All heavy atoms as atom14 arrays in JSON, in Angstrom:
{
  "sequence": "LRSEARLVVEHDGVRVVIEDGTAQDAARVARAL",
  "atom14_mask": [
    [1, 1, 1, 1, 1, 1, 1, 1, 0, 0, 0, 0, 0, 0],
    [1, 1, 1, 1, 1, 1, 1, 1, 1, 1, 1, 0, 0, 0],
    [1, 1, 1, 1, 1, 1, 0, 0, 0, 0, 0, 0, 0, 0],
    [1, 1, 1, 1, 1, 1, 1, 1, 1, 0, 0, 0, 0, 0],
    [1, 1, 1, 1, 1, 0, 0, 0, 0, 0, 0, 0, 0, 0],
    [1, 1, 1, 1, 1, 1, 1, 1, 1, 1, 1, 0, 0, 0],
    [1, 1, 1, 1, 1, 1, 1, 1, 0, 0, 0, 0, 0, 0],
    [1, 1, 1, 1, 1, 1, 1, 0, 0, 0, 0, 0, 0, 0],
    [1, 1, 1, 1, 1, 1, 1, 0, 0, 0, 0, 0, 0, 0],
    [1, 1, 1, 1, 1, 1, 1, 1, 1, 0, 0, 0, 0, 0],
    [1, 1, 1, 1, 1, 1, 1, 1, 1, 1, 0, 0, 0, 0],
    [1, 1, 1, 1, 1, 1, 1, 1, 0, 0, 0, 0, 0, 0],
    [1, 1, 1, 1, 0, 0, 0, 0, 0, 0, 0, 0, 0, 0],
    [1, 1, 1, 1, 1, 1, 1, 0, 0, 0, 0, 0, 0, 0],
    [1, 1, 1, 1, 1, 1, 1, 1, 1, 1, 1, 0, 0, 0],
    [1, 1, 1, 1, 1, 1, 1, 0, 0, 0, 0, 0, 0, 0],
    [1, 1, 1, 1, 1, 1, 1, 0, 0, 0, 0, 0, 0, 0],
    [1, 1, 1, 1, 1, 1, 1, 1, 0, 0, 0, 0, 0, 0],
    [1, 1, 1, 1, 1, 1, 1, 1, 1, 0, 0, 0, 0, 0],
    [1, 1, 1, 1, 1, 1, 1, 1, 0, 0, 0, 0, 0, 0],
    [1, 1, 1, 1, 0, 0, 0, 0, 0, 0, 0, 0, 0, 0],
    [1, 1, 1, 1, 1, 1, 1, 0, 0, 0, 0, 0, 0, 0],
    [1, 1, 1, 1, 1, 0, 0, 0, 0, 0, 0, 0, 0, 0],
    [1, 1, 1, 1, 1, 1, 1, 1, 1, 0, 0, 0, 0, 0],
    [1, 1, 1, 1, 1, 1, 1, 1, 0, 0, 0, 0, 0, 0],
    [1, 1, 1, 1, 1, 0, 0, 0, 0, 0, 0, 0, 0, 0],
    [1, 1, 1, 1, 1, 0, 0, 0, 0, 0, 0, 0, 0, 0],
    [1, 1, 1, 1, 1, 1, 1, 1, 1, 1, 1, 0, 0, 0],
    [1, 1, 1, 1, 1, 1, 1, 0, 0, 0, 0, 0, 0, 0],
    [1, 1, 1, 1, 1, 0, 0, 0, 0, 0, 0, 0, 0, 0],
    [1, 1, 1, 1, 1, 1, 1, 1, 1, 1, 1, 0, 0, 0],
    [1, 1, 1, 1, 1, 0, 0, 0, 0, 0, 0, 0, 0, 0],
    [1, 1, 1, 1, 1, 1, 1, 1, 0, 0, 0, 0, 0, 0]
  ],
  "atom14_positions": [
    [[-71.57, 75.56, -21.68], [-71.5, 76.03, -23.08], [-71.66, 74.89, -24.12], [-71.98, 75.17, -25.27], [-70.21, 76.78, -23.35], [-70.04, 78.11, -22.61], [-68.68, 78.71, -22.96], [-71.14, 79.09, -23.0], [0.0, 0.0, 0.0], [0.0, 0.0, 0.0], [0.0, 0.0, 0.0], [0.0, 0.0, 0.0], [0.0, 0.0, 0.0], [0.0, 0.0, 0.0]],
    [[-71.38, 73.7, -23.75], [-71.29, 72.58, -24.7], [-72.61, 72.38, -25.5], [-72.59, 72.19, -26.7], [-70.97, 71.29, -24.01], [-69.54, 71.17, -23.68], [-69.19, 69.83, -23.05], [-67.94, 70.0, -22.34], [-67.63, 69.44, -21.23], [-68.5, 68.62, -20.65], [-66.47, 69.63, -20.7], [0.0, 0.0, 0.0], [0.0, 0.0, 0.0], [0.0, 0.0, 0.0]],
    [[-73.73, 72.4, -24.82], [-75.01, 72.08, -25.53], [-75.36, 73.1, -26.6], [-76.02, 72.77, -27.59], [-76.12, 71.91, -24.55], [-76.4, 73.18, -23.92], [0.0, 0.0, 0.0], [0.0, 0.0, 0.0], [0.0, 0.0, 0.0], [0.0, 0.0, 0.0], [0.0, 0.0, 0.0], [0.0, 0.0, 0.0], [0.0, 0.0, 0.0], [0.0, 0.0, 0.0]],
    [[-74.92, 74.35, -26.44], [-75.24, 75.38, -27.42], [-74.14, 75.6, -28.46], [-74.34, 76.34, -29.41], [-75.52, 76.72, -26.71], [-76.82, 76.71, -25.94], [-78.02, 76.47, -26.82], [-78.09, 77.06, -27.93], [-78.9, 75.73, -26.42], [0.0, 0.0, 0.0], [0.0, 0.0, 0.0], [0.0, 0.0, 0.0], [0.0, 0.0, 0.0], [0.0, 0.0, 0.0]],
    [[-72.99, 74.98, -28.27], [-71.84, 75.17, -29.16], [-71.93, 74.24, -30.36], [-71.12, 73.29, -30.51], [-70.54, 75.0, -28.4], [0.0, 0.0, 0.0], [0.0, 0.0, 0.0], [0.0, 0.0, 0.0], [0.0, 0.0, 0.0], [0.0, 0.0, 0.0], [0.0, 0.0, 0.0], [0.0, 0.0, 0.0], [0.0, 0.0, 0.0], [0.0, 0.0, 0.0]],
    [[-72.9, 74.47, -31.2], [-73.05, 73.69, -32.39], [-72.26, 74.28, -33.57], [-72.03, 75.46, -33.61], [-74.55, 73.63, -32.83], [-75.38, 72.99, -31.72], [-76.83, 72.94, -32.18], [-77.64, 72.34, -31.04], [-78.45, 73.06, -30.3], [-78.65, 74.35, -30.55], [-79.13, 72.5, -29.37], [0.0, 0.0, 0.0], [0.0, 0.0, 0.0], [0.0, 0.0, 0.0]],
    [[-71.78, 73.39, -34.44], [-71.05, 73.84, -35.62], [-72.09, 74.09, -36.71], [-72.86, 73.23, -37.06], [-70.07, 72.75, -36.05], [-69.32, 73.03, -37.35], [-68.41, 74.24, -37.22], [-68.49, 71.79, -37.75], [0.0, 0.0, 0.0], [0.0, 0.0, 0.0], [0.0, 0.0, 0.0], [0.0, 0.0, 0.0], [0.0, 0.0, 0.0], [0.0, 0.0, 0.0]],
    [[-72.07, 75.27, -37.28], [-72.97, 75.65, -38.38], [-72.09, 75.81, -39.61], [-71.14, 76.59, -39.62], [-73.7, 76.99, -38.07], [-74.66, 77.31, -39.24], [-74.47, 76.88, -36.78], [0.0, 0.0, 0.0], [0.0, 0.0, 0.0], [0.0, 0.0, 0.0], [0.0, 0.0, 0.0], [0.0, 0.0, 0.0], [0.0, 0.0, 0.0], [0.0, 0.0, 0.0]],
    [[-72.37, 74.97, -40.63], [-71.58, 74.96, -41.85], [-72.52, 75.45, -43.0], [-73.63, 74.91, -43.12], [-71.04, 73.58, -42.19], [-70.28, 73.55, -43.5], [-70.2, 73.01, -41.04], [0.0, 0.0, 0.0], [0.0, 0.0, 0.0], [0.0, 0.0, 0.0], [0.0, 0.0, 0.0], [0.0, 0.0, 0.0], [0.0, 0.0, 0.0], [0.0, 0.0, 0.0]],
    [[-72.04, 76.37, -43.79], [-72.83, 76.86, -44.95], [-71.99, 76.76, -46.22], [-70.82, 77.14, -46.2], [-73.3, 78.3, -44.78], [-74.34, 78.46, -43.71], [-74.93, 79.85, -43.67], [-74.39, 80.75, -44.35], [-75.89, 80.03, -42.91], [0.0, 0.0, 0.0], [0.0, 0.0, 0.0], [0.0, 0.0, 0.0], [0.0, 0.0, 0.0], [0.0, 0.0, 0.0]],
    [[-72.59, 76.2, -47.28], [-71.96, 76.13, -48.57], [-73.03, 76.14, -49.65], [-73.93, 75.29, -49.58], [-71.09, 74.86, -48.64], [-70.49, 74.64, -50.0], [-69.45, 75.45, -50.46], [-70.74, 73.77, -50.94], [-69.11, 75.02, -51.68], [-69.88, 74.0, -51.99], [0.0, 0.0, 0.0], [0.0, 0.0, 0.0], [0.0, 0.0, 0.0], [0.0, 0.0, 0.0]],
    [[-72.93, 77.01, -50.6], [-73.86, 77.08, -51.73], [-75.33, 77.03, -51.3], [-76.14, 76.28, -51.89], [-73.57, 75.95, -52.72], [-72.42, 76.27, -53.63], [-71.95, 77.42, -53.65], [-71.94, 75.33, -54.33], [0.0, 0.0, 0.0], [0.0, 0.0, 0.0], [0.0, 0.0, 0.0], [0.0, 0.0, 0.0], [0.0, 0.0, 0.0], [0.0, 0.0, 0.0]],
    [[-75.7, 77.81, -50.31], [-77.11, 77.91, -49.9], [-77.59, 76.76, -49.04], [-78.76, 76.69, -48.7], [0.0, 0.0, 0.0], [0.0, 0.0, 0.0], [0.0, 0.0, 0.0], [0.0, 0.0, 0.0], [0.0, 0.0, 0.0], [0.0, 0.0, 0.0], [0.0, 0.0, 0.0], [0.0, 0.0, 0.0], [0.0, 0.0, 0.0], [0.0, 0.0, 0.0]],
    [[-76.72, 75.84, -48.68], [-77.1, 74.74, -47.77], [-76.45, 74.94, -46.43], [-75.25, 75.24, -46.32], [-76.64, 73.37, -48.38], [-76.96, 72.24, -47.43], [-77.28, 73.12, -49.72], [0.0, 0.0, 0.0], [0.0, 0.0, 0.0], [0.0, 0.0, 0.0], [0.0, 0.0, 0.0], [0.0, 0.0, 0.0], [0.0, 0.0, 0.0], [0.0, 0.0, 0.0]],
    [[-77.25, 74.84, -45.42], [-76.77, 75.0, -44.01], [-76.88, 73.63, -43.32], [-77.94, 73.02, -43.33], [-77.57, 76.01, -43.27], [-77.18, 76.17, -41.81], [-77.98, 77.22, -41.14], [-77.44, 78.52, -41.53], [-77.88, 79.69, -41.08], [-78.88, 79.71, -40.21], [-77.34, 80.84, -41.5], [0.0, 0.0, 0.0], [0.0, 0.0, 0.0], [0.0, 0.0, 0.0]],
    [[-75.76, 73.2, -42.71], [-75.71, 71.99, -41.93], [-75.34, 72.36, -40.53], [-74.39, 73.08, -40.29], [-74.69, 70.98, -42.52], [-74.65, 69.68, -41.74], [-74.9, 70.73, -43.99], [0.0, 0.0, 0.0], [0.0, 0.0, 0.0], [0.0, 0.0, 0.0], [0.0, 0.0, 0.0], [0.0, 0.0, 0.0], [0.0, 0.0, 0.0], [0.0, 0.0, 0.0]],
    [[-76.14, 71.83, -39.57], [-75.88, 72.12, -38.13], [-75.42, 70.8, -37.5], [-76.1, 69.79, -37.58], [-77.14, 72.64, -37.44], [-76.88, 72.89, -35.95], [-77.62, 73.92, -38.12], [0.0, 0.0, 0.0], [0.0, 0.0, 0.0], [0.0, 0.0, 0.0], [0.0, 0.0, 0.0], [0.0, 0.0, 0.0], [0.0, 0.0, 0.0], [0.0, 0.0, 0.0]],
    [[-74.26, 70.86, -36.89], [-73.62, 69.68, -36.29], [-73.52, 69.87, -34.78], [-73.04, 70.91, -34.3], [-72.16, 69.49, -36.82], [-72.19, 69.38, -38.35], [-71.51, 68.28, -36.19], [-72.97, 68.2, -38.92], [0.0, 0.0, 0.0], [0.0, 0.0, 0.0], [0.0, 0.0, 0.0], [0.0, 0.0, 0.0], [0.0, 0.0, 0.0], [0.0, 0.0, 0.0]],
    [[-73.96, 68.89, -34.05], [-73.82, 68.95, -32.61], [-72.88, 67.85, -32.09], [-71.92, 68.13, -31.4], [-75.2, 68.79, -31.93], [-75.09, 68.95, -30.45], [-76.46, 69.05, -29.77], [-77.45, 69.3, -30.45], [-76.52, 68.86, -28.54], [0.0, 0.0, 0.0], [0.0, 0.0, 0.0], [0.0, 0.0, 0.0], [0.0, 0.0, 0.0], [0.0, 0.0, 0.0]],
    [[-73.13, 66.62, -32.43], [-72.44, 65.51, -31.79], [-71.11, 65.14, -32.46], [-70.24, 64.56, -31.84], [-73.32, 64.27, -31.78], [-74.58, 64.52, -30.93], [-74.48, 65.19, -29.9], [-75.65, 64.02, -31.35], [0.0, 0.0, 0.0], [0.0, 0.0, 0.0], [0.0, 0.0, 0.0], [0.0, 0.0, 0.0], [0.0, 0.0, 0.0], [0.0, 0.0, 0.0]],
    [[-70.98, 65.46, -33.76], [-69.67, 65.14, -34.43], [-69.52, 63.66, -34.76], [-68.45, 63.11, -34.66], [0.0, 0.0, 0.0], [0.0, 0.0, 0.0], [0.0, 0.0, 0.0], [0.0, 0.0, 0.0], [0.0, 0.0, 0.0], [0.0, 0.0, 0.0], [0.0, 0.0, 0.0], [0.0, 0.0, 0.0], [0.0, 0.0, 0.0], [0.0, 0.0, 0.0]],
    [[-70.59, 63.07, -35.22], [-70.59, 61.63, -35.6], [-70.07, 61.47, -37.02], [-69.99, 62.43, -37.81], [-71.96, 61.04, -35.45], [-72.82, 61.66, -36.47], [-72.53, 61.2, -34.1], [0.0, 0.0, 0.0], [0.0, 0.0, 0.0], [0.0, 0.0, 0.0], [0.0, 0.0, 0.0], [0.0, 0.0, 0.0], [0.0, 0.0, 0.0], [0.0, 0.0, 0.0]],
    [[-69.83, 60.23, -37.39], [-69.44, 59.9, -38.8], [-70.57, 60.32, -39.73], [-70.31, 60.8, -40.87], [-69.15, 58.43, -38.92], [0.0, 0.0, 0.0], [0.0, 0.0, 0.0], [0.0, 0.0, 0.0], [0.0, 0.0, 0.0], [0.0, 0.0, 0.0], [0.0, 0.0, 0.0], [0.0, 0.0, 0.0], [0.0, 0.0, 0.0], [0.0, 0.0, 0.0]],
    [[-71.83, 60.15, -39.3], [-72.96, 60.56, -40.12], [-72.97, 62.1, -40.33], [-73.35, 62.56, -41.4], [-74.3, 60.12, -39.51], [-74.5, 58.62, -39.49], [-73.76, 57.93, -38.35], [-73.25, 58.53, -37.43], [-73.73, 56.62, -38.37], [0.0, 0.0, 0.0], [0.0, 0.0, 0.0], [0.0, 0.0, 0.0], [0.0, 0.0, 0.0], [0.0, 0.0, 0.0]],
    [[-72.59, 62.85, -39.28], [-72.51, 64.3, -39.42], [-71.46, 64.67, -40.45], [-71.64, 65.56, -41.28], [-72.14, 64.94, -38.05], [-73.29, 64.84, -37.03], [-74.44, 64.77, -37.45], [-72.97, 64.87, -35.85], [0.0, 0.0, 0.0], [0.0, 0.0, 0.0], [0.0, 0.0, 0.0], [0.0, 0.0, 0.0], [0.0, 0.0, 0.0], [0.0, 0.0, 0.0]],
    [[-70.3, 64.02, -40.4], [-69.24, 64.28, -41.36], [-69.72, 63.94, -42.78], [-69.39, 64.71, -43.72], [-68.0, 63.46, -41.02], [0.0, 0.0, 0.0], [0.0, 0.0, 0.0], [0.0, 0.0, 0.0], [0.0, 0.0, 0.0], [0.0, 0.0, 0.0], [0.0, 0.0, 0.0], [0.0, 0.0, 0.0], [0.0, 0.0, 0.0], [0.0, 0.0, 0.0]],
    [[-70.48, 62.88, -42.93], [-71.02, 62.56, -44.28], [-71.99, 63.6, -44.77], [-72.0, 63.96, -45.97], [-71.7, 61.16, -44.21], [0.0, 0.0, 0.0], [0.0, 0.0, 0.0], [0.0, 0.0, 0.0], [0.0, 0.0, 0.0], [0.0, 0.0, 0.0], [0.0, 0.0, 0.0], [0.0, 0.0, 0.0], [0.0, 0.0, 0.0], [0.0, 0.0, 0.0]],
    [[-72.8, 64.17, -43.86], [-73.7, 65.24, -44.26], [-73.01, 66.47, -44.73], [-73.33, 67.1, -45.72], [-74.6, 65.57, -43.06], [-75.63, 64.5, -42.74], [-76.5, 64.72, -41.49], [-76.86, 66.09, -41.24], [-76.62, 66.72, -40.07], [-76.11, 66.11, -39.05], [-77.02, 67.97, -39.93], [0.0, 0.0, 0.0], [0.0, 0.0, 0.0], [0.0, 0.0, 0.0]],
    [[-71.9, 66.84, -44.04], [-71.09, 67.99, -44.44], [-70.44, 67.67, -45.8], [-70.45, 68.55, -46.75], [-70.03, 68.33, -43.39], [-69.07, 69.4, -43.87], [-70.7, 68.84, -42.1], [0.0, 0.0, 0.0], [0.0, 0.0, 0.0], [0.0, 0.0, 0.0], [0.0, 0.0, 0.0], [0.0, 0.0, 0.0], [0.0, 0.0, 0.0], [0.0, 0.0, 0.0]],
    [[-69.88, 66.5, -45.96], [-69.24, 66.15, -47.24], [-70.25, 66.2, -48.38], [-69.92, 66.7, -49.47], [-68.66, 64.73, -47.15], [0.0, 0.0, 0.0], [0.0, 0.0, 0.0], [0.0, 0.0, 0.0], [0.0, 0.0, 0.0], [0.0, 0.0, 0.0], [0.0, 0.0, 0.0], [0.0, 0.0, 0.0], [0.0, 0.0, 0.0], [0.0, 0.0, 0.0]],
    [[-71.45, 65.73, -48.19], [-72.49, 65.79, -49.27], [-72.88, 67.23, -49.56], [-73.04, 67.56, -50.72], [-73.75, 65.03, -48.83], [-73.62, 63.52, -49.0], [-74.97, 62.81, -48.89], [-75.51, 62.94, -47.55], [-75.32, 62.15, -46.55], [-74.43, 61.14, -46.64], [-75.88, 62.34, -45.38], [0.0, 0.0, 0.0], [0.0, 0.0, 0.0], [0.0, 0.0, 0.0]],
    [[-72.96, 68.08, -48.55], [-73.26, 69.48, -48.8], [-72.16, 70.14, -49.59], [-72.42, 70.93, -50.51], [-73.46, 70.22, -47.48], [0.0, 0.0, 0.0], [0.0, 0.0, 0.0], [0.0, 0.0, 0.0], [0.0, 0.0, 0.0], [0.0, 0.0, 0.0], [0.0, 0.0, 0.0], [0.0, 0.0, 0.0], [0.0, 0.0, 0.0], [0.0, 0.0, 0.0]],
    [[-70.89, 69.83, -49.27], [-69.75, 70.41, -50.01], [-69.68, 69.88, -51.42], [-69.22, 70.59, -52.29], [-68.45, 70.12, -49.25], [-68.3, 70.86, -47.94], [-67.03, 70.38, -47.25], [-68.26, 72.36, -48.15], [0.0, 0.0, 0.0], [0.0, 0.0, 0.0], [0.0, 0.0, 0.0], [0.0, 0.0, 0.0], [0.0, 0.0, 0.0], [0.0, 0.0, 0.0]]
  ]
}
């Protein structure tokens, strides 16, 4: 199940898909928020 268990985040019309959970992924979510 791991490879398909991606985190999909939506805020104000922006969708961010996270797989690995890196610091860069966290920065992408923060920018979207």
